[in-house]
Amino acid sequence: MGSLFKSHPWHGVPIGDYAPALVTAYIEVVPTDTVKYELEKVTGHLTIDRPQKYSNICPCLYGFIPQTYCGNDVADYCAEKTGLHDIIGDQDPLDICVLTEKTVSHGDILLQAIPIGGFRMIDGDEADDKIIAVLKDDGVYGDYKSIKDCPENIIDRLHHYFLTYKEAPNVKLNNVDITHIYGQQEAYKVIALSQQDYASSFGQLEKTLCAALHENSRERRRKG
């Protein structure tokens, strides 16, 4: 079956053997997009979430890390770091921003990314971390080891984008705040916690998918 159908980008794609130092990222939005694309979680298809009402353009590749989930562990860590109470996970896969010098023309792609830091973002009462990463082997950003290596204007653009990208005329929004900009080791921690949340919520699904992939691989070897 695995040879006939595209893998679900959230559940059917591995995070990678070297996570959290090197992760697979599924890209939904690129800087040239004037609409906000988002994965439809049931079907696995990339869909239009909304046209951008103002001139908010994502300044980097933006998507999520497969087989992660922002649940209780991510929320508890956010609460611990901020001192805020009643924080919950946003019940989505962990978001990732990927910096690259290259022009990528469209989303619905997979790439390998190296996390270098992150934004601790709270949307209403939901933990909504944004991992900041660089494209593996990128000619400009590929050697970055820390978010401190990034030019300040890039961080400022990302900061402004996430505080304003949901704005629309006559729409009341949740209070959105970025409480911390953290480094690589803390990004690793958030990724690991999101993997734990995924295992808690979808562990049985993961075992089923792994068994199906193993059976498919064995069948291919049998057929030569």
N, C-alpha and C. Protein backbone atom coordinates (compact mmCIF):
# COMPACT_ATOMS: atom_id res chain seq x y z
N MET A 1 0.84 -1.20 0.00
CA MET A 1 0.00 0.00 0.00
C MET A 1 0.87 1.26 0.00
N GLY A 2 2.02 1.20 0.69
CA GLY A 2 2.88 2.37 0.75
C GLY A 2 3.42 2.79 -0.60
N SER A 3 3.49 1.86 -1.56
CA SER A 3 3.97 2.20 -2.89
C SER A 3 2.89 2.81 -3.76
N LEU A 4 1.63 2.75 -3.32
CA LEU A 4 0.52 3.25 -4.12
C LEU A 4 0.05 4.62 -3.70
N PHE A 5 0.25 5.00 -2.43
CA PHE A 5 -0.30 6.23 -1.90
C PHE A 5 0.78 7.10 -1.27
N LYS A 6 0.57 8.40 -1.37
CA LYS A 6 1.46 9.37 -0.74
C LYS A 6 1.32 9.29 0.78
N SER A 7 2.45 9.33 1.49
CA SER A 7 2.41 9.30 2.95
C SER A 7 1.78 10.57 3.49
N HIS A 8 1.03 10.44 4.58
CA HIS A 8 0.46 11.61 5.25
C HIS A 8 1.62 12.44 5.79
N PRO A 9 1.71 13.75 5.46
CA PRO A 9 2.88 14.56 5.85
C PRO A 9 3.08 14.67 7.36
N TRP A 10 2.02 14.55 8.13
CA TRP A 10 2.16 14.65 9.59
C TRP A 10 2.48 13.29 10.21
N HIS A 11 1.72 12.28 9.84
CA HIS A 11 1.82 10.98 10.52
C HIS A 11 2.69 9.97 9.78
N GLY A 12 2.79 10.09 8.47
CA GLY A 12 3.46 9.06 7.68
C GLY A 12 4.89 9.36 7.32
N VAL A 13 5.39 10.53 7.72
CA VAL A 13 6.77 10.93 7.41
C VAL A 13 7.58 10.93 8.70
N PRO A 14 8.70 10.25 8.75
CA PRO A 14 9.51 10.22 9.98
C PRO A 14 10.16 11.58 10.26
N ILE A 15 10.35 11.88 11.52
CA ILE A 15 11.03 13.11 11.90
C ILE A 15 12.51 13.05 11.54
N GLY A 16 13.08 11.85 11.46
CA GLY A 16 14.48 11.68 11.11
C GLY A 16 15.27 11.03 12.23
N ASP A 17 16.28 10.27 11.87
CA ASP A 17 17.06 9.51 12.84
C ASP A 17 17.94 10.39 13.73
N TYR A 18 18.20 11.63 13.31
CA TYR A 18 19.13 12.48 14.05
C TYR A 18 18.42 13.62 14.80
N ALA A 19 17.10 13.51 14.91
CA ALA A 19 16.35 14.53 15.67
C ALA A 19 16.78 14.49 17.13
N PRO A 20 16.84 15.66 17.79
CA PRO A 20 16.39 16.98 17.32
C PRO A 20 17.46 17.81 16.62
N ALA A 21 18.69 17.29 16.45
CA ALA A 21 19.76 18.08 15.85
C ALA A 21 19.53 18.30 14.35
N LEU A 22 18.87 17.36 13.71
CA LEU A 22 18.52 17.45 12.29
C LEU A 22 17.13 16.87 12.13
N VAL A 23 16.20 17.65 11.60
CA VAL A 23 14.81 17.19 11.53
C VAL A 23 14.27 17.32 10.11
N THR A 24 13.31 16.48 9.80
CA THR A 24 12.52 16.67 8.59
C THR A 24 11.52 17.78 8.83
N ALA A 25 11.34 18.64 7.85
CA ALA A 25 10.32 19.69 7.92
C ALA A 25 9.41 19.58 6.71
N TYR A 26 8.11 19.69 6.94
CA TYR A 26 7.14 19.77 5.85
C TYR A 26 6.77 21.24 5.68
N ILE A 27 6.99 21.79 4.49
CA ILE A 27 6.78 23.21 4.23
C ILE A 27 5.39 23.45 3.66
N GLU A 28 4.65 24.34 4.32
CA GLU A 28 3.32 24.72 3.87
C GLU A 28 3.33 26.05 3.12
N VAL A 29 4.14 27.00 3.60
CA VAL A 29 4.11 28.37 3.08
C VAL A 29 5.53 28.81 2.71
N VAL A 30 5.65 29.51 1.58
CA VAL A 30 6.93 30.09 1.15
C VAL A 30 6.75 31.61 1.05
N PRO A 31 7.86 32.37 1.01
CA PRO A 31 7.75 33.83 1.08
C PRO A 31 6.97 34.49 -0.04
N THR A 32 6.79 33.83 -1.18
CA THR A 32 6.04 34.44 -2.27
C THR A 32 4.53 34.21 -2.17
N ASP A 33 4.09 33.44 -1.19
CA ASP A 33 2.66 33.14 -1.06
C ASP A 33 1.89 34.35 -0.51
N THR A 34 0.76 34.64 -1.12
CA THR A 34 -0.11 35.71 -0.63
C THR A 34 -1.37 35.15 0.04
N VAL A 35 -1.41 33.84 0.17
CA VAL A 35 -2.46 33.19 0.95
C VAL A 35 -1.77 32.30 1.98
N LYS A 36 -2.49 32.01 3.06
CA LYS A 36 -1.95 31.13 4.11
C LYS A 36 -2.40 29.71 3.82
N TYR A 37 -1.43 28.86 3.43
CA TYR A 37 -1.73 27.45 3.22
C TYR A 37 -1.54 26.69 4.53
N GLU A 38 -2.32 25.63 4.69
CA GLU A 38 -2.21 24.82 5.90
C GLU A 38 -2.60 23.39 5.58
N LEU A 39 -1.94 22.45 6.23
CA LEU A 39 -2.27 21.04 6.01
C LEU A 39 -3.64 20.73 6.58
N GLU A 40 -4.48 20.08 5.78
CA GLU A 40 -5.76 19.57 6.28
C GLU A 40 -5.45 18.24 6.98
N LYS A 41 -5.66 18.21 8.28
CA LYS A 41 -5.09 17.15 9.10
C LYS A 41 -5.68 15.77 8.84
N VAL A 42 -6.93 15.71 8.41
CA VAL A 42 -7.55 14.41 8.17
C VAL A 42 -7.06 13.81 6.86
N THR A 43 -7.09 14.59 5.78
CA THR A 43 -6.74 14.06 4.46
C THR A 43 -5.27 14.11 4.15
N GLY A 44 -4.53 15.03 4.79
CA GLY A 44 -3.13 15.22 4.47
C GLY A 44 -2.89 16.09 3.25
N HIS A 45 -3.94 16.74 2.75
CA HIS A 45 -3.79 17.64 1.60
C HIS A 45 -3.50 19.06 2.08
N LEU A 46 -2.70 19.78 1.29
CA LEU A 46 -2.43 21.19 1.57
C LEU A 46 -3.60 22.01 1.05
N THR A 47 -4.19 22.83 1.91
CA THR A 47 -5.38 23.59 1.54
C THR A 47 -5.16 25.08 1.83
N ILE A 48 -6.02 25.92 1.26
CA ILE A 48 -6.00 27.35 1.55
C ILE A 48 -6.72 27.59 2.87
N ASP A 49 -5.97 28.09 3.84
CA ASP A 49 -6.56 28.42 5.13
C ASP A 49 -7.26 29.77 5.06
N ARG A 50 -6.57 30.76 4.48
CA ARG A 50 -7.17 32.09 4.31
C ARG A 50 -6.27 32.94 3.42
N PRO A 51 -6.86 33.84 2.63
CA PRO A 51 -6.03 34.86 1.98
C PRO A 51 -5.52 35.83 3.03
N GLN A 52 -4.31 36.33 2.85
CA GLN A 52 -3.79 37.34 3.76
C GLN A 52 -4.50 38.68 3.47
N LYS A 53 -5.16 39.22 4.50
CA LYS A 53 -5.95 40.43 4.31
C LYS A 53 -5.07 41.67 4.21
N TYR A 54 -3.94 41.66 4.91
CA TYR A 54 -3.00 42.75 4.83
C TYR A 54 -1.75 42.26 4.11
N SER A 55 -0.74 43.10 4.03
CA SER A 55 0.46 42.76 3.27
C SER A 55 1.47 41.98 4.12
N ASN A 56 0.97 40.99 4.85
CA ASN A 56 1.84 40.15 5.68
C ASN A 56 2.39 39.01 4.83
N ILE A 57 3.66 39.02 4.57
CA ILE A 57 4.30 37.98 3.79
C ILE A 57 5.28 37.25 4.70
N CYS A 58 5.17 35.93 4.73
CA CYS A 58 6.07 35.14 5.58
C CYS A 58 7.50 35.32 5.09
N PRO A 59 8.42 35.71 5.96
CA PRO A 59 9.79 36.00 5.52
C PRO A 59 10.69 34.78 5.34
N CYS A 60 10.15 33.57 5.51
CA CYS A 60 10.97 32.37 5.36
C CYS A 60 10.07 31.20 5.02
N LEU A 61 10.67 30.05 4.79
CA LEU A 61 9.88 28.83 4.62
C LEU A 61 9.24 28.49 5.96
N TYR A 62 7.96 28.07 5.91
CA TYR A 62 7.21 27.87 7.16
C TYR A 62 6.36 26.62 7.05
N GLY A 63 6.44 25.78 8.07
CA GLY A 63 5.64 24.57 8.07
C GLY A 63 5.68 23.92 9.44
N PHE A 64 5.85 22.59 9.47
CA PHE A 64 5.86 21.88 10.75
C PHE A 64 6.79 20.68 10.69
N ILE A 65 7.06 20.14 11.88
CA ILE A 65 7.90 18.96 12.01
C ILE A 65 6.99 17.74 12.13
N PRO A 66 7.10 16.77 11.21
CA PRO A 66 6.25 15.58 11.27
C PRO A 66 6.43 14.80 12.57
N GLN A 67 5.37 14.11 12.94
CA GLN A 67 5.35 13.25 14.12
C GLN A 67 5.75 14.01 15.39
N THR A 68 5.25 15.24 15.47
CA THR A 68 5.32 16.03 16.70
C THR A 68 3.91 16.53 17.01
N TYR A 69 3.71 16.97 18.25
CA TYR A 69 2.38 17.43 18.68
C TYR A 69 2.56 18.32 19.89
N CYS A 70 1.86 19.44 19.90
CA CYS A 70 1.93 20.36 21.03
C CYS A 70 0.78 20.05 21.99
N GLY A 71 1.08 19.24 22.97
CA GLY A 71 0.09 18.80 23.95
C GLY A 71 0.51 19.18 25.35
N ASN A 72 0.27 18.28 26.30
CA ASN A 72 0.49 18.60 27.71
C ASN A 72 1.95 18.86 28.07
N ASP A 73 2.88 18.08 27.50
CA ASP A 73 4.29 18.25 27.86
C ASP A 73 4.83 19.59 27.37
N VAL A 74 4.49 19.96 26.14
CA VAL A 74 4.92 21.25 25.61
C VAL A 74 4.28 22.38 26.41
N ALA A 75 3.00 22.23 26.74
CA ALA A 75 2.30 23.27 27.50
C ALA A 75 2.88 23.43 28.90
N ASP A 76 3.18 22.32 29.56
CA ASP A 76 3.75 22.39 30.92
C ASP A 76 5.11 23.07 30.91
N TYR A 77 5.91 22.79 29.89
CA TYR A 77 7.23 23.42 29.79
C TYR A 77 7.09 24.92 29.55
N CYS A 78 6.14 25.29 28.70
CA CYS A 78 5.87 26.71 28.46
C CYS A 78 5.44 27.40 29.75
N ALA A 79 4.55 26.77 30.50
CA ALA A 79 4.10 27.35 31.77
C ALA A 79 5.25 27.49 32.76
N GLU A 80 6.12 26.48 32.79
CA GLU A 80 7.28 26.53 33.69
C GLU A 80 8.19 27.70 33.34
N LYS A 81 8.43 27.91 32.05
CA LYS A 81 9.35 28.95 31.61
C LYS A 81 8.77 30.35 31.73
N THR A 82 7.46 30.49 31.60
CA THR A 82 6.83 31.81 31.62
C THR A 82 6.24 32.19 32.97
N GLY A 83 5.97 31.17 33.82
CA GLY A 83 5.30 31.43 35.08
C GLY A 83 3.80 31.67 34.91
N LEU A 84 3.28 31.39 33.72
CA LEU A 84 1.85 31.56 33.46
C LEU A 84 1.10 30.29 33.81
N HIS A 85 -0.17 30.45 34.17
CA HIS A 85 -1.00 29.31 34.52
C HIS A 85 -2.03 29.04 33.42
N ASP A 86 -2.60 27.85 33.45
CA ASP A 86 -3.68 27.46 32.53
C ASP A 86 -3.25 27.49 31.07
N ILE A 87 -1.98 27.22 30.80
CA ILE A 87 -1.49 27.11 29.43
C ILE A 87 -1.79 25.70 28.91
N ILE A 88 -2.29 25.62 27.69
CA ILE A 88 -2.54 24.33 27.04
C ILE A 88 -1.77 24.29 25.72
N GLY A 89 -1.54 23.10 25.20
CA GLY A 89 -0.94 22.98 23.88
C GLY A 89 -1.95 23.34 22.81
N ASP A 90 -1.47 23.78 21.65
CA ASP A 90 -2.41 24.19 20.60
C ASP A 90 -2.95 23.02 19.78
N GLN A 91 -2.51 21.80 20.13
CA GLN A 91 -3.01 20.56 19.51
C GLN A 91 -2.70 20.48 18.01
N ASP A 92 -1.58 21.08 17.64
CA ASP A 92 -1.08 21.01 16.27
C ASP A 92 0.33 20.44 16.29
N PRO A 93 0.84 20.01 15.13
CA PRO A 93 2.26 19.67 15.08
C PRO A 93 3.11 20.91 15.36
N LEU A 94 4.35 20.70 15.76
CA LEU A 94 5.25 21.79 16.14
C LEU A 94 5.66 22.58 14.90
N ASP A 95 5.45 23.90 14.93
CA ASP A 95 5.78 24.76 13.80
C ASP A 95 7.28 24.96 13.66
N ILE A 96 7.74 25.16 12.42
CA ILE A 96 9.15 25.41 12.16
C ILE A 96 9.29 26.44 11.05
N CYS A 97 10.25 27.35 11.24
CA CYS A 97 10.63 28.34 10.24
C CYS A 97 12.02 27.96 9.74
N VAL A 98 12.21 27.89 8.43
CA VAL A 98 13.48 27.44 7.87
C VAL A 98 14.08 28.56 7.03
N LEU A 99 15.28 28.99 7.40
CA LEU A 99 16.00 30.04 6.68
C LEU A 99 16.85 29.44 5.57
N THR A 100 16.80 30.05 4.40
CA THR A 100 17.61 29.62 3.27
C THR A 100 17.84 30.79 2.33
N GLU A 101 18.97 30.78 1.63
CA GLU A 101 19.23 31.79 0.61
C GLU A 101 18.46 31.49 -0.68
N LYS A 102 18.03 30.27 -0.85
CA LYS A 102 17.43 29.85 -2.11
C LYS A 102 15.96 30.25 -2.19
N THR A 103 15.50 30.47 -3.43
CA THR A 103 14.09 30.73 -3.67
C THR A 103 13.40 29.38 -3.88
N VAL A 104 12.45 29.08 -3.02
CA VAL A 104 11.65 27.86 -3.13
C VAL A 104 10.28 28.29 -3.62
N SER A 105 9.84 27.76 -4.75
CA SER A 105 8.68 28.31 -5.45
C SER A 105 7.33 27.91 -4.88
N HIS A 106 7.29 26.84 -4.10
CA HIS A 106 5.99 26.37 -3.60
C HIS A 106 6.17 25.50 -2.37
N GLY A 107 5.09 25.33 -1.64
CA GLY A 107 5.10 24.46 -0.49
C GLY A 107 4.75 23.03 -0.87
N ASP A 108 4.29 22.24 0.12
CA ASP A 108 3.99 20.83 -0.05
C ASP A 108 5.26 20.06 -0.40
N ILE A 109 6.35 20.40 0.30
CA ILE A 109 7.63 19.72 0.09
C ILE A 109 8.23 19.35 1.44
N LEU A 110 9.18 18.41 1.40
CA LEU A 110 9.94 18.02 2.58
C LEU A 110 11.38 18.47 2.42
N LEU A 111 12.01 18.82 3.53
CA LEU A 111 13.42 19.19 3.51
C LEU A 111 14.05 18.82 4.85
N GLN A 112 15.36 18.88 4.89
CA GLN A 112 16.12 18.62 6.12
C GLN A 112 16.57 19.96 6.70
N ALA A 113 16.29 20.16 7.99
CA ALA A 113 16.56 21.43 8.64
C ALA A 113 17.31 21.23 9.95
N ILE A 114 18.15 22.21 10.28
CA ILE A 114 18.94 22.19 11.51
C ILE A 114 18.39 23.25 12.46
N PRO A 115 17.74 22.86 13.55
CA PRO A 115 17.21 23.85 14.51
C PRO A 115 18.33 24.64 15.18
N ILE A 116 18.13 25.96 15.29
CA ILE A 116 19.13 26.82 15.95
C ILE A 116 18.52 27.64 17.09
N GLY A 117 17.21 27.56 17.29
CA GLY A 117 16.56 28.32 18.35
C GLY A 117 15.05 28.30 18.18
N GLY A 118 14.39 29.26 18.80
CA GLY A 118 12.94 29.29 18.68
C GLY A 118 12.31 30.49 19.36
N PHE A 119 11.04 30.70 19.06
CA PHE A 119 10.20 31.70 19.73
C PHE A 119 9.22 30.98 20.64
N ARG A 120 9.15 31.42 21.89
CA ARG A 120 8.09 30.92 22.77
C ARG A 120 6.88 31.83 22.58
N MET A 121 5.95 31.37 21.77
CA MET A 121 4.78 32.16 21.44
C MET A 121 3.55 31.61 22.14
N ILE A 122 2.73 32.50 22.66
CA ILE A 122 1.49 32.13 23.31
C ILE A 122 0.34 32.82 22.59
N ASP A 123 -0.57 32.04 22.07
CA ASP A 123 -1.72 32.54 21.32
C ASP A 123 -2.97 32.31 22.18
N GLY A 124 -3.46 33.39 22.81
CA GLY A 124 -4.52 33.20 23.79
C GLY A 124 -3.93 32.52 25.00
N ASP A 125 -4.39 31.30 25.29
CA ASP A 125 -3.82 30.52 26.38
C ASP A 125 -3.11 29.27 25.86
N GLU A 126 -2.74 29.29 24.56
CA GLU A 126 -2.16 28.11 23.93
C GLU A 126 -0.66 28.29 23.66
N ALA A 127 0.12 27.28 24.02
CA ALA A 127 1.54 27.26 23.66
C ALA A 127 1.65 27.00 22.16
N ASP A 128 2.36 27.87 21.46
CA ASP A 128 2.44 27.82 20.00
C ASP A 128 3.88 28.13 19.56
N ASP A 129 4.83 27.34 20.07
CA ASP A 129 6.25 27.59 19.79
C ASP A 129 6.55 27.56 18.29
N LYS A 130 7.51 28.39 17.90
CA LYS A 130 8.00 28.42 16.53
C LYS A 130 9.50 28.09 16.57
N ILE A 131 9.86 26.92 16.07
CA ILE A 131 11.27 26.54 16.00
C ILE A 131 11.91 27.28 14.81
N ILE A 132 13.07 27.88 15.05
CA ILE A 132 13.82 28.54 13.99
C ILE A 132 14.95 27.61 13.56
N ALA A 133 15.07 27.39 12.26
CA ALA A 133 16.05 26.43 11.74
C ALA A 133 16.66 26.96 10.46
N VAL A 134 17.71 26.29 10.01
CA VAL A 134 18.34 26.62 8.74
C VAL A 134 18.31 25.38 7.84
N LEU A 135 18.23 25.62 6.55
CA LEU A 135 18.25 24.52 5.59
C LEU A 135 19.61 23.84 5.62
N LYS A 136 19.61 22.53 5.74
CA LYS A 136 20.87 21.77 5.74
C LYS A 136 21.65 22.07 4.46
N ASP A 137 22.93 22.36 4.64
CA ASP A 137 23.87 22.63 3.54
C ASP A 137 23.58 23.92 2.78
N ASP A 138 22.77 24.80 3.35
CA ASP A 138 22.50 26.08 2.70
C ASP A 138 23.79 26.90 2.60
N GLY A 139 23.99 27.59 1.46
CA GLY A 139 25.22 28.31 1.21
C GLY A 139 25.44 29.50 2.12
N VAL A 140 24.38 30.13 2.61
CA VAL A 140 24.49 31.30 3.47
C VAL A 140 24.23 30.95 4.93
N TYR A 141 23.13 30.23 5.20
CA TYR A 141 22.70 29.97 6.57
C TYR A 141 23.15 28.62 7.12
N GLY A 142 23.67 27.76 6.26
CA GLY A 142 23.91 26.37 6.65
C GLY A 142 24.88 26.17 7.79
N ASP A 143 25.80 27.12 8.01
CA ASP A 143 26.78 26.97 9.08
C ASP A 143 26.33 27.59 10.40
N TYR A 144 25.14 28.18 10.44
CA TYR A 144 24.67 28.79 11.68
C TYR A 144 24.46 27.71 12.74
N LYS A 145 24.94 27.96 13.95
CA LYS A 145 24.79 27.02 15.05
C LYS A 145 23.88 27.56 16.15
N SER A 146 23.58 28.85 16.09
CA SER A 146 22.78 29.49 17.14
C SER A 146 21.90 30.57 16.52
N ILE A 147 20.78 30.82 17.15
CA ILE A 147 19.93 31.90 16.70
C ILE A 147 20.65 33.25 16.81
N LYS A 148 21.67 33.31 17.67
CA LYS A 148 22.46 34.52 17.80
C LYS A 148 23.29 34.80 16.56
N ASP A 149 23.49 33.79 15.70
CA ASP A 149 24.21 33.99 14.45
C ASP A 149 23.38 34.75 13.42
N CYS A 150 22.05 34.77 13.60
CA CYS A 150 21.15 35.40 12.64
C CYS A 150 21.25 36.92 12.73
N PRO A 151 21.26 37.60 11.59
CA PRO A 151 21.18 39.06 11.63
C PRO A 151 19.92 39.51 12.37
N GLU A 152 20.06 40.59 13.12
CA GLU A 152 18.96 41.07 13.95
C GLU A 152 17.70 41.38 13.15
N ASN A 153 17.89 41.89 11.91
CA ASN A 153 16.71 42.26 11.12
C ASN A 153 15.87 41.05 10.72
N ILE A 154 16.52 39.87 10.58
CA ILE A 154 15.77 38.66 10.25
C ILE A 154 14.89 38.25 11.43
N ILE A 155 15.45 38.29 12.62
CA ILE A 155 14.68 37.96 13.82
C ILE A 155 13.55 38.96 14.01
N ASP A 156 13.83 40.25 13.76
CA ASP A 156 12.79 41.28 13.89
C ASP A 156 11.64 41.04 12.91
N ARG A 157 11.97 40.64 11.68
CA ARG A 157 10.92 40.39 10.68
C ARG A 157 10.06 39.20 11.08
N LEU A 158 10.70 38.14 11.55
CA LEU A 158 9.94 36.97 12.00
C LEU A 158 9.07 37.33 13.20
N HIS A 159 9.64 38.07 14.13
CA HIS A 159 8.90 38.50 15.32
C HIS A 159 7.66 39.29 14.92
N HIS A 160 7.83 40.26 14.02
CA HIS A 160 6.70 41.08 13.58
C HIS A 160 5.66 40.24 12.84
N TYR A 161 6.12 39.33 12.00
CA TYR A 161 5.19 38.51 11.23
C TYR A 161 4.27 37.70 12.14
N PHE A 162 4.84 37.04 13.12
CA PHE A 162 4.02 36.17 13.95
C PHE A 162 3.10 36.94 14.91
N LEU A 163 3.44 38.17 15.19
CA LEU A 163 2.55 38.98 16.03
C LEU A 163 1.41 39.61 15.22
N THR A 164 1.52 39.60 13.89
CA THR A 164 0.53 40.31 13.07
C THR A 164 -0.13 39.48 11.97
N TYR A 165 0.35 38.26 11.70
CA TYR A 165 -0.08 37.56 10.49
C TYR A 165 -1.54 37.12 10.51
N LYS A 166 -2.17 37.10 11.67
CA LYS A 166 -3.58 36.73 11.73
C LYS A 166 -4.51 37.93 11.70
N GLU A 167 -3.95 39.11 11.62
CA GLU A 167 -4.79 40.31 11.62
C GLU A 167 -5.65 40.37 10.36
N ALA A 168 -6.89 40.82 10.53
CA ALA A 168 -7.82 41.01 9.41
C ALA A 168 -8.84 42.06 9.82
N PRO A 169 -9.41 42.77 8.85
CA PRO A 169 -10.40 43.79 9.18
C PRO A 169 -11.58 43.23 9.95
N ASN A 170 -11.96 43.92 11.01
CA ASN A 170 -13.17 43.59 11.78
C ASN A 170 -13.13 42.20 12.41
N VAL A 171 -11.93 41.69 12.67
CA VAL A 171 -11.79 40.38 13.30
C VAL A 171 -11.11 40.57 14.65
N LYS A 172 -11.73 40.08 15.71
CA LYS A 172 -11.15 40.16 17.05
C LYS A 172 -10.25 38.94 17.25
N LEU A 173 -9.00 39.19 17.59
CA LEU A 173 -8.02 38.13 17.73
C LEU A 173 -7.70 37.84 19.18
N ASN A 174 -7.18 36.62 19.43
CA ASN A 174 -6.63 36.31 20.74
C ASN A 174 -5.43 37.21 21.01
N ASN A 175 -5.11 37.38 22.26
CA ASN A 175 -3.89 38.08 22.63
C ASN A 175 -2.69 37.19 22.28
N VAL A 176 -1.81 37.66 21.41
CA VAL A 176 -0.64 36.90 20.98
C VAL A 176 0.61 37.56 21.53
N ASP A 177 1.49 36.75 22.11
CA ASP A 177 2.70 37.29 22.71
C ASP A 177 3.86 36.33 22.46
N ILE A 178 5.03 36.88 22.18
CA ILE A 178 6.27 36.11 22.14
C ILE A 178 7.04 36.47 23.39
N THR A 179 7.08 35.54 24.34
CA THR A 179 7.65 35.85 25.65
C THR A 179 9.16 35.68 25.70
N HIS A 180 9.70 34.76 24.88
CA HIS A 180 11.14 34.50 24.90
C HIS A 180 11.62 34.15 23.49
N ILE A 181 12.85 34.51 23.22
CA ILE A 181 13.58 33.98 22.07
C ILE A 181 14.69 33.11 22.64
N TYR A 182 14.64 31.81 22.37
CA TYR A 182 15.56 30.89 23.02
C TYR A 182 16.53 30.25 22.03
N GLY A 183 17.56 29.63 22.59
CA GLY A 183 18.65 29.09 21.80
C GLY A 183 18.46 27.64 21.38
N GLN A 184 19.54 27.08 20.82
CA GLN A 184 19.47 25.76 20.20
C GLN A 184 19.11 24.66 21.19
N GLN A 185 19.74 24.65 22.37
CA GLN A 185 19.49 23.58 23.33
C GLN A 185 18.03 23.58 23.81
N GLU A 186 17.47 24.77 23.98
CA GLU A 186 16.07 24.83 24.39
C GLU A 186 15.15 24.41 23.25
N ALA A 187 15.55 24.72 22.02
CA ALA A 187 14.78 24.25 20.86
C ALA A 187 14.77 22.72 20.83
N TYR A 188 15.94 22.11 21.11
CA TYR A 188 16.01 20.65 21.19
C TYR A 188 15.02 20.12 22.23
N LYS A 189 14.95 20.80 23.36
CA LYS A 189 14.06 20.38 24.45
C LYS A 189 12.60 20.43 24.01
N VAL A 190 12.21 21.52 23.35
CA VAL A 190 10.82 21.67 22.90
C VAL A 190 10.48 20.59 21.86
N ILE A 191 11.42 20.32 20.95
CA ILE A 191 11.18 19.27 19.95
C ILE A 191 11.00 17.92 20.63
N ALA A 192 11.87 17.60 21.58
CA ALA A 192 11.77 16.32 22.28
C ALA A 192 10.45 16.20 23.02
N LEU A 193 10.00 17.27 23.66
CA LEU A 193 8.72 17.24 24.37
C LEU A 193 7.56 17.06 23.39
N SER A 194 7.67 17.68 22.22
CA SER A 194 6.61 17.52 21.22
C SER A 194 6.58 16.09 20.67
N GLN A 195 7.74 15.44 20.63
CA GLN A 195 7.76 14.02 20.26
C GLN A 195 7.07 13.17 21.32
N GLN A 196 7.31 13.51 22.60
CA GLN A 196 6.64 12.79 23.69
C GLN A 196 5.13 12.99 23.61
N ASP A 197 4.70 14.21 23.35
CA ASP A 197 3.26 14.48 23.21
C ASP A 197 2.68 13.70 22.05
N TYR A 198 3.43 13.61 20.96
CA TYR A 198 2.94 12.84 19.81
C TYR A 198 2.80 11.37 20.17
N ALA A 199 3.80 10.83 20.85
CA ALA A 199 3.75 9.42 21.24
C ALA A 199 2.56 9.16 22.17
N SER A 200 2.27 10.11 23.07
CA SER A 200 1.14 9.95 23.99
C SER A 200 -0.19 9.99 23.26
N SER A 201 -0.29 10.82 22.24
CA SER A 201 -1.56 11.02 21.55
C SER A 201 -1.75 10.08 20.35
N PHE A 202 -0.65 9.74 19.69
CA PHE A 202 -0.75 8.97 18.44
C PHE A 202 0.17 7.76 18.43
N GLY A 203 0.60 7.31 19.60
CA GLY A 203 1.55 6.22 19.67
C GLY A 203 1.09 4.96 18.97
N GLN A 204 -0.16 4.62 19.12
CA GLN A 204 -0.68 3.41 18.49
C GLN A 204 -0.68 3.55 16.98
N LEU A 205 -1.02 4.76 16.51
CA LEU A 205 -0.99 5.02 15.07
C LEU A 205 0.42 4.86 14.54
N GLU A 206 1.41 5.35 15.29
CA GLU A 206 2.80 5.26 14.86
C GLU A 206 3.23 3.80 14.73
N LYS A 207 2.82 2.97 15.70
CA LYS A 207 3.17 1.55 15.64
C LYS A 207 2.54 0.90 14.42
N THR A 208 1.29 1.27 14.13
CA THR A 208 0.59 0.71 12.97
C THR A 208 1.27 1.11 11.68
N LEU A 209 1.66 2.38 11.56
CA LEU A 209 2.33 2.86 10.36
C LEU A 209 3.69 2.19 10.19
N CYS A 210 4.42 2.05 11.28
CA CYS A 210 5.74 1.41 11.21
C CYS A 210 5.62 -0.04 10.78
N ALA A 211 4.61 -0.73 11.30
CA ALA A 211 4.39 -2.12 10.93
C ALA A 211 4.03 -2.23 9.44
N ALA A 212 3.21 -1.29 8.96
CA ALA A 212 2.82 -1.30 7.55
C ALA A 212 4.02 -1.02 6.65
N LEU A 213 4.87 -0.07 7.04
CA LEU A 213 6.06 0.25 6.26
C LEU A 213 7.03 -0.93 6.24
N HIS A 214 7.16 -1.60 7.39
CA HIS A 214 8.05 -2.76 7.47
C HIS A 214 7.54 -3.88 6.56
N GLU A 215 6.24 -4.11 6.57
CA GLU A 215 5.65 -5.16 5.74
C GLU A 215 5.82 -4.83 4.27
N ASN A 216 5.64 -3.56 3.92
CA ASN A 216 5.80 -3.14 2.54
C ASN A 216 7.24 -3.33 2.08
N SER A 217 8.21 -2.98 2.94
CA SER A 217 9.62 -3.16 2.60
C SER A 217 9.96 -4.63 2.43
N ARG A 218 9.43 -5.46 3.30
CA ARG A 218 9.69 -6.90 3.22
C ARG A 218 9.11 -7.49 1.93
N GLU A 219 7.92 -7.00 1.55
CA GLU A 219 7.27 -7.47 0.32
C GLU A 219 8.09 -7.08 -0.91
N ARG A 220 8.64 -5.86 -0.88
CA ARG A 220 9.47 -5.43 -2.01
C ARG A 220 10.72 -6.28 -2.13
N ARG A 221 11.34 -6.60 -0.99
CA ARG A 221 12.54 -7.46 -1.03
C ARG A 221 12.20 -8.85 -1.53
N ARG A 222 11.04 -9.34 -1.16
CA ARG A 222 10.63 -10.67 -1.60
C ARG A 222 10.47 -10.72 -3.11
N LYS A 223 9.96 -9.62 -3.69
CA LYS A 223 9.73 -9.57 -5.13
C LYS A 223 11.00 -9.24 -5.90
N GLY A 224 12.07 -8.92 -5.17
CA GLY A 224 13.34 -8.65 -5.81
C GLY A 224 13.44 -7.26 -6.37
